[in-house]
């Protein structure tokens, strides 16, 4: 399929071929959901923890005799029923990541790209470069393109001026091609790919 190439002034400057094997895949909600859950689980630090009975500092002596006091039997003052006692079945430090086959991850990325193309929310730019790092000037260009919420993906090497100018604009993210991922694509309204990024993504995912 063909897609128009625009510049930052929102003018057409050419066309580019998009591979049907990537940009015409029928998106599946279950695959995309699995991928987003995998990404979010992988980024969790998992360092939440509560103290169990063995972690609480305190005496190990039996509080009172087993029999003869008329009170319920107890074995430790560090038990959860006592004040400042341990927590039963509380969270522990662990890794939340789970396995996801590489082929499924690649399929999910293709579907994320295809979903933006299908919804008419994919824009191809000739380049993502500016002569200075003024945020106001770049924000005006995004307004011409109708971008209020967008993920911009460039080639492997990002333009420093463009990156600096864009990082202060709310709801605008800039990533290199190798950082393209399903979660960031779906969380923004528009997906903006440079011509260089399209070529590199197609070479990677074909």
Protein backbone atom coordinates (compact mmCIF):
# COMPACT_ATOMS: atom_id res chain seq x y z
CA UNK A 1 0.00 0.00 0.00
CA UNK A 2 1.02 3.59 -0.53
CA UNK A 3 1.28 6.30 2.12
CA UNK A 4 1.90 10.00 1.70
CA UNK A 5 5.07 11.51 3.14
CA UNK A 6 4.63 14.87 4.86
CA UNK A 7 7.07 17.40 6.21
CA UNK A 8 6.81 19.34 9.46
CA UNK A 9 4.90 22.08 7.60
CA UNK A 10 2.14 19.53 6.83
CA UNK A 11 2.88 19.52 3.11
CA UNK A 12 3.02 16.40 0.93
CA UNK A 13 6.54 15.72 -0.29
CA UNK A 14 6.22 12.22 -1.74
CA UNK A 15 4.98 8.67 -1.23
CA UNK A 16 6.30 5.52 0.39
CA UNK A 17 5.41 1.84 0.03
CA UNK A 18 4.15 0.17 3.22
CA UNK A 19 4.41 -3.60 3.35
CA UNK A 20 1.01 -5.31 3.61
CA UNK A 21 2.61 -8.02 5.75
CA UNK A 22 3.14 -5.39 8.46
CA UNK A 23 0.73 -2.49 7.98
CA UNK A 24 -2.25 -4.49 6.69
CA UNK A 25 -2.36 -7.17 9.39
CA UNK A 26 -5.75 -7.52 11.04
CA UNK A 27 -5.30 -6.38 14.68
CA UNK A 28 -6.38 -8.78 17.42
CA UNK A 29 -7.35 -7.37 20.79
CA UNK A 30 -6.21 -10.48 22.69
CA UNK A 31 -2.68 -10.37 21.23
CA UNK A 32 -2.32 -6.65 21.92
CA UNK A 33 -3.64 -7.11 25.47
CA UNK A 34 -1.18 -9.92 26.16
CA UNK A 35 1.69 -7.78 24.90
CA UNK A 36 0.73 -4.72 26.98
CA UNK A 37 0.36 -6.88 30.10
CA UNK A 38 3.77 -8.45 29.40
CA UNK A 39 5.42 -5.04 29.05
CA UNK A 40 3.83 -3.63 32.19
CA UNK A 41 4.66 -6.76 34.21
CA UNK A 42 8.27 -6.68 33.03
CA UNK A 43 8.79 -3.07 34.17
CA UNK A 44 7.49 -3.73 37.70
CA UNK A 45 10.29 -3.58 40.25
CA UNK A 46 8.70 -6.20 42.54
CA UNK A 47 10.42 -4.80 45.63
CA UNK A 48 7.27 -4.55 47.77
CA UNK A 49 7.54 -6.55 51.00
CA UNK A 50 5.96 -6.98 54.41
CA UNK A 51 7.49 -8.64 57.45
CA UNK A 52 6.48 -12.19 58.22
CA UNK A 53 6.66 -13.72 61.69
CA UNK A 54 10.27 -14.73 61.11
CA UNK A 55 11.24 -11.16 60.12
CA UNK A 56 9.70 -9.38 63.12
CA UNK A 57 12.17 -8.62 65.91
CA UNK A 58 11.12 -9.74 69.37
CA UNK A 59 11.33 -12.50 71.91
CA UNK A 60 11.10 -16.13 70.94
CA UNK A 61 9.81 -17.11 74.38
CA UNK A 62 6.35 -18.56 74.79
CA UNK A 63 4.10 -15.75 76.16
CA UNK A 64 2.54 -17.92 78.89
CA UNK A 65 2.04 -21.52 79.84
CA UNK A 66 0.14 -23.75 77.46
CA UNK A 67 -2.38 -24.81 80.13
CA UNK A 68 -3.81 -23.57 83.35
CA UNK A 69 -4.14 -19.83 82.69
CA UNK A 70 -7.64 -19.85 81.21
CA UNK A 71 -6.38 -17.94 78.19
CA UNK A 72 -6.07 -19.06 74.61
CA UNK A 73 -2.85 -20.92 73.88
CA UNK A 74 -0.13 -18.87 72.21
CA UNK A 75 3.32 -19.72 70.93
CA UNK A 76 4.77 -16.33 70.03
CA UNK A 77 4.19 -12.63 70.60
CA UNK A 78 5.28 -12.12 66.99
CA UNK A 79 2.16 -13.85 65.66
CA UNK A 80 -0.17 -11.77 63.44
CA UNK A 81 -2.94 -11.55 66.04
CA UNK A 82 -0.70 -9.49 68.32
CA UNK A 83 0.10 -5.81 67.92
CA UNK A 84 3.30 -5.35 65.88
CA UNK A 85 3.16 -8.99 64.88
CA UNK A 86 4.02 -10.39 61.46
CA UNK A 87 1.88 -10.30 58.32
CA UNK A 88 0.47 -13.55 56.95
CA UNK A 89 0.73 -14.11 53.19
CA UNK A 90 1.95 -10.56 52.57
CA UNK A 91 3.78 -9.50 49.38
CA UNK A 92 7.41 -10.53 49.03
CA UNK A 93 10.22 -9.38 46.76
CA UNK A 94 9.80 -11.19 43.45
CA UNK A 95 10.05 -10.85 39.70
CA UNK A 96 6.70 -10.20 37.99
CA UNK A 97 8.01 -10.90 34.47
CA UNK A 98 6.61 -13.84 32.54
CA UNK A 99 7.51 -15.46 29.24
CA UNK A 100 6.24 -14.26 25.89
CA UNK A 101 7.36 -15.97 22.66
CA UNK A 102 9.42 -13.78 20.35
CA UNK A 103 7.10 -14.48 17.41
CA UNK A 104 4.09 -13.28 19.42
CA UNK A 105 5.96 -10.10 20.41
CA UNK A 106 6.78 -9.37 16.77
CA UNK A 107 3.20 -10.12 15.72
CA UNK A 108 1.88 -7.75 18.38
CA UNK A 109 4.16 -4.96 17.12
CA UNK A 110 2.93 -5.51 13.57
CA UNK A 111 -0.67 -5.37 14.79
CA UNK A 112 -0.04 -2.17 16.74
CA UNK A 113 1.38 -0.52 13.62
CA UNK A 114 -1.47 -1.87 11.50
CA UNK A 115 -4.11 -0.64 13.95
CA UNK A 116 -2.86 2.95 13.60
CA UNK A 117 -2.83 2.61 9.82
CA UNK A 118 -6.34 1.15 9.85
CA UNK A 119 -7.66 4.00 12.02
CA UNK A 120 -6.07 6.63 9.80
CA UNK A 121 -3.78 7.75 12.61
CA UNK A 122 -0.45 6.95 11.02
CA UNK A 123 1.63 9.85 9.68
CA UNK A 124 4.89 9.43 7.76
CA UNK A 125 7.36 12.32 7.96
CA UNK A 126 10.28 12.90 5.63
CA UNK A 127 12.48 13.61 8.68
CA UNK A 128 12.31 14.62 12.34
CA UNK A 129 14.95 17.32 12.44
CA UNK A 130 15.01 20.97 13.47
CA UNK A 131 17.65 23.68 13.24
CA UNK A 132 17.25 24.66 16.91
CA UNK A 133 15.83 23.23 20.12
CA UNK A 134 13.04 25.79 20.66
CA UNK A 135 9.97 24.06 22.03
CA UNK A 136 7.54 26.80 20.98
CA UNK A 137 8.54 26.56 17.31
CA UNK A 138 8.17 22.78 17.24
CA UNK A 139 4.84 22.91 19.10
CA UNK A 140 3.53 25.20 16.36
CA UNK A 141 4.54 22.65 13.71
CA UNK A 142 2.82 19.85 15.62
CA UNK A 143 -0.32 21.99 15.75
CA UNK A 144 -0.25 22.27 11.94
CA UNK A 145 -0.05 18.47 11.75
CA UNK A 146 -2.92 18.14 14.25
CA UNK A 147 -0.79 16.33 16.81
CA UNK A 148 -1.95 16.73 20.41
CA UNK A 149 -1.04 13.20 21.50
CA UNK A 150 1.55 11.34 19.46
CA UNK A 151 4.45 8.93 19.51
CA UNK A 152 7.20 9.94 17.08
CA UNK A 153 9.60 7.20 15.98
CA UNK A 154 12.75 8.12 14.06
CA UNK A 155 15.69 6.04 12.89
CA UNK A 156 18.43 4.65 15.08
CA UNK A 157 20.01 8.09 15.62
CA UNK A 158 17.69 10.81 16.93
CA UNK A 159 18.25 14.46 16.12
CA UNK A 160 19.36 16.16 19.39
CA UNK A 161 17.60 19.44 18.64
CA UNK A 162 14.31 17.74 17.79
CA UNK A 163 14.48 15.54 20.90
CA UNK A 164 15.20 18.49 23.21
CA UNK A 165 12.43 20.59 21.69
CA UNK A 166 9.84 17.80 21.89
CA UNK A 167 10.53 16.52 25.40
CA UNK A 168 8.80 19.50 27.04
CA UNK A 169 5.59 19.09 25.02
CA UNK A 170 2.86 17.26 26.89
CA UNK A 171 1.65 13.95 25.42
CA UNK A 172 4.46 13.86 22.84
CA UNK A 173 7.01 11.03 23.01
CA UNK A 174 10.08 10.52 20.80
CA UNK A 175 11.75 7.13 20.41
CA UNK A 176 14.38 5.59 18.14
CA UNK A 177 13.32 2.74 15.88
CA UNK A 178 14.84 0.07 18.13
CA UNK A 179 12.70 1.37 21.01
CA UNK A 180 9.38 0.96 19.17
CA UNK A 181 6.97 -0.97 21.37
CA UNK A 182 3.28 -1.83 21.55
CA UNK A 183 2.45 -0.05 24.80
CA UNK A 184 3.84 3.34 23.74
CA UNK A 185 2.21 3.07 20.31
CA UNK A 186 -1.23 2.36 21.75
CA UNK A 187 -1.12 4.89 24.60
CA UNK A 188 -0.83 7.84 22.20
CA UNK A 189 -3.49 8.92 19.71
CA UNK A 190 -1.26 9.30 16.65
CA UNK A 191 1.78 7.36 15.49
CA UNK A 192 4.34 9.38 13.53
CA UNK A 193 7.06 7.49 11.66
CA UNK A 194 9.89 9.07 9.75
CA UNK A 195 10.77 7.66 6.35
CA UNK A 196 13.95 6.25 7.86
CA UNK A 197 11.98 4.58 10.69
CA UNK A 198 9.56 2.95 8.24
CA UNK A 199 12.41 1.45 6.27
CA UNK A 200 14.15 0.13 9.38
CA UNK A 201 10.93 -1.28 10.90
CA UNK A 202 10.02 -3.02 7.67
CA UNK A 203 13.49 -4.52 7.43
CA UNK A 204 13.19 -5.73 11.03
CA UNK A 205 9.66 -7.12 10.91
CA UNK A 206 9.24 -8.40 7.36
